[in-house]
Amino acid sequence: MHGFVYKSAMSVGGTSLIFLALAGYDTTIGAVHSVADLFWLGFLYALVPTATLLMAFYLSWTWPMTAHVHAKLQRIMDKRLARLEQAET
């Protein structure tokens, strides 16, 4: 579960680059950055992934993986795998 939660947080954190560009952050060599630029940089790289990680943790805590849920997910994955194998032949 840790891998899923970590990857989810990092994937959303990667979208921060788009928002950083929208905030006007200049990536050219020698650019001078204002306090607001540095605030948005810190905000997007620290708080956004942390918030996503906390949300993923909450979901994993409130949606327990019972034997019934696991069996249902396993059936879904087995059907998908069978379709993929059939499509390859």
N, C-alpha and C. Protein backbone atom coordinates (compact mmCIF):
# COMPACT_ATOMS: atom_id res chain seq x y z
N MET A 1 0.82 -1.19 0.00
CA MET A 1 0.00 0.00 0.00
C MET A 1 0.87 1.26 0.00
N HIS A 2 2.03 1.18 0.65
CA HIS A 2 2.90 2.35 0.71
C HIS A 2 3.30 2.82 -0.68
N GLY A 3 3.62 1.88 -1.58
CA GLY A 3 4.04 2.25 -2.92
C GLY A 3 2.96 3.00 -3.66
N PHE A 4 1.72 2.54 -3.53
CA PHE A 4 0.60 3.20 -4.19
C PHE A 4 0.40 4.61 -3.66
N VAL A 5 0.42 4.75 -2.37
CA VAL A 5 0.21 6.05 -1.74
C VAL A 5 1.33 7.01 -2.14
N TYR A 6 2.56 6.53 -2.10
CA TYR A 6 3.71 7.37 -2.45
C TYR A 6 3.64 7.81 -3.91
N LYS A 7 3.36 6.86 -4.80
CA LYS A 7 3.30 7.19 -6.23
C LYS A 7 2.15 8.15 -6.53
N SER A 8 1.03 7.99 -5.84
CA SER A 8 -0.09 8.91 -6.04
C SER A 8 0.29 10.33 -5.64
N ALA A 9 0.92 10.46 -4.49
CA ALA A 9 1.32 11.78 -4.01
C ALA A 9 2.35 12.42 -4.95
N MET A 10 3.29 11.63 -5.42
CA MET A 10 4.33 12.18 -6.29
C MET A 10 3.78 12.54 -7.68
N SER A 11 2.81 11.78 -8.17
CA SER A 11 2.27 12.11 -9.49
C SER A 11 1.50 13.42 -9.46
N VAL A 12 0.76 13.65 -8.42
CA VAL A 12 0.05 14.91 -8.30
C VAL A 12 1.04 16.04 -8.02
N GLY A 13 2.07 15.74 -7.26
CA GLY A 13 3.09 16.75 -6.98
C GLY A 13 3.81 17.18 -8.25
N GLY A 14 3.95 16.28 -9.21
CA GLY A 14 4.59 16.62 -10.47
C GLY A 14 3.80 17.62 -11.29
N THR A 15 2.51 17.65 -11.11
CA THR A 15 1.69 18.62 -11.84
C THR A 15 1.91 20.03 -11.31
N SER A 16 2.64 20.14 -10.23
CA SER A 16 2.94 21.46 -9.66
C SER A 16 3.71 22.33 -10.63
N LEU A 17 4.47 21.71 -11.52
CA LEU A 17 5.24 22.50 -12.49
C LEU A 17 4.33 23.37 -13.35
N ILE A 18 3.17 22.84 -13.70
CA ILE A 18 2.21 23.61 -14.50
C ILE A 18 1.73 24.83 -13.71
N PHE A 19 1.37 24.60 -12.46
CA PHE A 19 0.88 25.71 -11.64
C PHE A 19 1.99 26.70 -11.32
N LEU A 20 3.20 26.21 -11.21
CA LEU A 20 4.33 27.10 -10.97
C LEU A 20 4.54 28.02 -12.17
N ALA A 21 4.41 27.47 -13.38
CA ALA A 21 4.52 28.30 -14.58
C ALA A 21 3.39 29.32 -14.64
N LEU A 22 2.18 28.92 -14.25
CA LEU A 22 1.06 29.84 -14.24
C LEU A 22 1.24 30.96 -13.22
N ALA A 23 1.98 30.67 -12.15
CA ALA A 23 2.23 31.68 -11.12
C ALA A 23 3.31 32.66 -11.56
N GLY A 24 3.95 32.40 -12.71
CA GLY A 24 4.93 33.34 -13.24
C GLY A 24 6.36 33.06 -12.83
N TYR A 25 6.65 31.86 -12.36
CA TYR A 25 8.02 31.52 -11.95
C TYR A 25 8.91 31.45 -13.19
N ASP A 26 10.03 32.14 -13.14
CA ASP A 26 10.95 32.21 -14.27
C ASP A 26 12.11 31.25 -14.04
N THR A 27 12.33 30.33 -14.99
CA THR A 27 13.37 29.31 -14.82
C THR A 27 14.66 29.64 -15.57
N THR A 28 14.75 30.81 -16.14
CA THR A 28 15.97 31.16 -16.87
C THR A 28 17.14 31.37 -15.91
N ILE A 29 18.34 31.11 -16.42
CA ILE A 29 19.54 31.26 -15.61
C ILE A 29 19.72 32.73 -15.24
N GLY A 30 19.95 32.99 -13.97
CA GLY A 30 20.18 34.35 -13.50
C GLY A 30 18.91 35.12 -13.19
N ALA A 31 17.76 34.47 -13.26
CA ALA A 31 16.50 35.16 -12.96
C ALA A 31 16.45 35.51 -11.47
N VAL A 32 15.90 36.66 -11.18
CA VAL A 32 15.73 37.10 -9.80
C VAL A 32 14.28 36.79 -9.40
N HIS A 33 14.13 36.15 -8.26
CA HIS A 33 12.80 35.73 -7.82
C HIS A 33 12.33 36.54 -6.62
N SER A 34 11.07 36.88 -6.65
CA SER A 34 10.49 37.64 -5.55
C SER A 34 10.14 36.68 -4.41
N VAL A 35 9.75 37.27 -3.29
CA VAL A 35 9.32 36.47 -2.15
C VAL A 35 8.07 35.67 -2.52
N ALA A 36 7.19 36.25 -3.33
CA ALA A 36 5.98 35.54 -3.76
C ALA A 36 6.34 34.34 -4.63
N ASP A 37 7.32 34.49 -5.50
CA ASP A 37 7.77 33.36 -6.32
C ASP A 37 8.27 32.21 -5.45
N LEU A 38 9.07 32.55 -4.47
CA LEU A 38 9.62 31.53 -3.59
C LEU A 38 8.54 30.90 -2.71
N PHE A 39 7.54 31.69 -2.32
CA PHE A 39 6.42 31.14 -1.57
C PHE A 39 5.69 30.08 -2.39
N TRP A 40 5.36 30.42 -3.64
CA TRP A 40 4.64 29.47 -4.49
C TRP A 40 5.48 28.23 -4.78
N LEU A 41 6.77 28.41 -4.92
CA LEU A 41 7.66 27.27 -5.13
C LEU A 41 7.58 26.32 -3.93
N GLY A 42 7.73 26.87 -2.75
CA GLY A 42 7.65 26.06 -1.54
C GLY A 42 6.27 25.45 -1.34
N PHE A 43 5.25 26.21 -1.61
CA PHE A 43 3.88 25.72 -1.46
C PHE A 43 3.60 24.55 -2.37
N LEU A 44 3.95 24.69 -3.63
CA LEU A 44 3.64 23.64 -4.59
C LEU A 44 4.49 22.39 -4.40
N TYR A 45 5.71 22.54 -3.96
CA TYR A 45 6.57 21.38 -3.79
C TYR A 45 6.50 20.75 -2.40
N ALA A 46 5.92 21.41 -1.44
CA ALA A 46 5.82 20.84 -0.10
C ALA A 46 4.38 20.52 0.28
N LEU A 47 3.51 21.47 0.16
CA LEU A 47 2.16 21.27 0.67
C LEU A 47 1.26 20.47 -0.25
N VAL A 48 1.39 20.62 -1.56
CA VAL A 48 0.51 19.88 -2.47
C VAL A 48 0.77 18.38 -2.38
N PRO A 49 2.02 17.88 -2.46
CA PRO A 49 2.23 16.44 -2.30
C PRO A 49 1.83 15.93 -0.91
N THR A 50 2.07 16.76 0.11
CA THR A 50 1.70 16.35 1.46
C THR A 50 0.19 16.22 1.59
N ALA A 51 -0.55 17.16 1.04
CA ALA A 51 -2.01 17.08 1.08
C ALA A 51 -2.52 15.86 0.32
N THR A 52 -1.90 15.57 -0.80
CA THR A 52 -2.29 14.39 -1.57
C THR A 52 -1.97 13.11 -0.81
N LEU A 53 -0.83 13.07 -0.17
CA LEU A 53 -0.46 11.92 0.63
C LEU A 53 -1.44 11.71 1.78
N LEU A 54 -1.82 12.79 2.43
CA LEU A 54 -2.80 12.69 3.53
C LEU A 54 -4.16 12.22 3.02
N MET A 55 -4.55 12.68 1.86
CA MET A 55 -5.82 12.24 1.29
C MET A 55 -5.77 10.75 0.94
N ALA A 56 -4.66 10.31 0.35
CA ALA A 56 -4.51 8.89 0.02
C ALA A 56 -4.48 8.05 1.29
N PHE A 57 -3.83 8.54 2.34
CA PHE A 57 -3.81 7.82 3.61
C PHE A 57 -5.21 7.70 4.19
N TYR A 58 -5.97 8.79 4.14
CA TYR A 58 -7.34 8.76 4.63
C TYR A 58 -8.18 7.73 3.88
N LEU A 59 -8.05 7.73 2.56
CA LEU A 59 -8.82 6.77 1.77
C LEU A 59 -8.42 5.34 2.06
N SER A 60 -7.13 5.10 2.23
CA SER A 60 -6.70 3.74 2.53
C SER A 60 -7.13 3.31 3.94
N TRP A 61 -7.27 4.26 4.84
CA TRP A 61 -7.69 3.95 6.21
C TRP A 61 -9.20 3.68 6.28
N THR A 62 -9.98 4.44 5.53
CA THR A 62 -11.43 4.31 5.60
C THR A 62 -11.99 3.27 4.63
N TRP A 63 -11.17 2.75 3.74
CA TRP A 63 -11.62 1.74 2.79
C TRP A 63 -10.78 0.49 3.01
N PRO A 64 -11.15 -0.29 4.05
CA PRO A 64 -10.34 -1.45 4.40
C PRO A 64 -10.39 -2.52 3.31
N MET A 65 -9.30 -3.21 3.16
CA MET A 65 -9.20 -4.29 2.18
C MET A 65 -9.65 -5.58 2.85
N THR A 66 -10.94 -5.83 2.81
CA THR A 66 -11.48 -7.06 3.37
C THR A 66 -11.27 -8.20 2.38
N ALA A 67 -11.52 -9.42 2.83
CA ALA A 67 -11.38 -10.58 1.96
C ALA A 67 -12.36 -10.49 0.78
N HIS A 68 -13.55 -9.97 1.04
CA HIS A 68 -14.55 -9.82 -0.01
C HIS A 68 -14.10 -8.81 -1.07
N VAL A 69 -13.61 -7.68 -0.63
CA VAL A 69 -13.14 -6.65 -1.56
C VAL A 69 -11.94 -7.17 -2.35
N HIS A 70 -11.04 -7.86 -1.68
CA HIS A 70 -9.87 -8.40 -2.35
C HIS A 70 -10.28 -9.41 -3.42
N ALA A 71 -11.22 -10.28 -3.11
CA ALA A 71 -11.68 -11.27 -4.08
C ALA A 71 -12.32 -10.60 -5.29
N LYS A 72 -13.10 -9.56 -5.04
CA LYS A 72 -13.75 -8.83 -6.14
C LYS A 72 -12.70 -8.18 -7.04
N LEU A 73 -11.72 -7.52 -6.45
CA LEU A 73 -10.65 -6.89 -7.24
C LEU A 73 -9.84 -7.94 -8.00
N GLN A 74 -9.61 -9.09 -7.38
CA GLN A 74 -8.86 -10.15 -8.05
C GLN A 74 -9.62 -10.67 -9.27
N ARG A 75 -10.95 -10.82 -9.16
CA ARG A 75 -11.76 -11.25 -10.31
C ARG A 75 -11.69 -10.24 -11.43
N ILE A 76 -11.78 -8.96 -11.10
CA ILE A 76 -11.70 -7.91 -12.12
C ILE A 76 -10.35 -7.96 -12.83
N MET A 77 -9.27 -8.08 -12.07
CA MET A 77 -7.93 -8.12 -12.66
C MET A 77 -7.73 -9.38 -13.50
N ASP A 78 -8.26 -10.51 -13.05
CA ASP A 78 -8.15 -11.75 -13.83
C ASP A 78 -8.87 -11.62 -15.16
N LYS A 79 -10.05 -11.00 -15.17
CA LYS A 79 -10.79 -10.79 -16.42
C LYS A 79 -10.01 -9.89 -17.38
N ARG A 80 -9.42 -8.81 -16.85
CA ARG A 80 -8.63 -7.90 -17.69
C ARG A 80 -7.41 -8.61 -18.27
N LEU A 81 -6.75 -9.40 -17.45
CA LEU A 81 -5.58 -10.13 -17.92
C LEU A 81 -5.96 -11.13 -19.00
N ALA A 82 -7.08 -11.81 -18.81
CA ALA A 82 -7.54 -12.78 -19.81
C ALA A 82 -7.85 -12.07 -21.13
N ARG A 83 -8.49 -10.90 -21.07
CA ARG A 83 -8.79 -10.13 -22.30
C ARG A 83 -7.50 -9.70 -22.99
N LEU A 84 -6.52 -9.25 -22.23
CA LEU A 84 -5.25 -8.83 -22.82
C LEU A 84 -4.53 -10.00 -23.47
N GLU A 85 -4.52 -11.14 -22.80
CA GLU A 85 -3.87 -12.32 -23.38
C GLU A 85 -4.58 -12.77 -24.64
N GLN A 86 -5.90 -12.70 -24.65
CA GLN A 86 -6.67 -13.10 -25.82
C GLN A 86 -6.42 -12.12 -26.98
N ALA A 87 -6.28 -10.84 -26.68
CA ALA A 87 -6.05 -9.85 -27.73
C ALA A 87 -4.67 -10.00 -28.34
N GLU A 88 -3.70 -10.50 -27.58
CA GLU A 88 -2.34 -10.68 -28.10
C GLU A 88 -2.22 -11.86 -29.04
N THR A 89 -3.13 -12.81 -28.96
CA THR A 89 -3.04 -14.00 -29.81
C THR A 89 -3.77 -13.84 -31.12
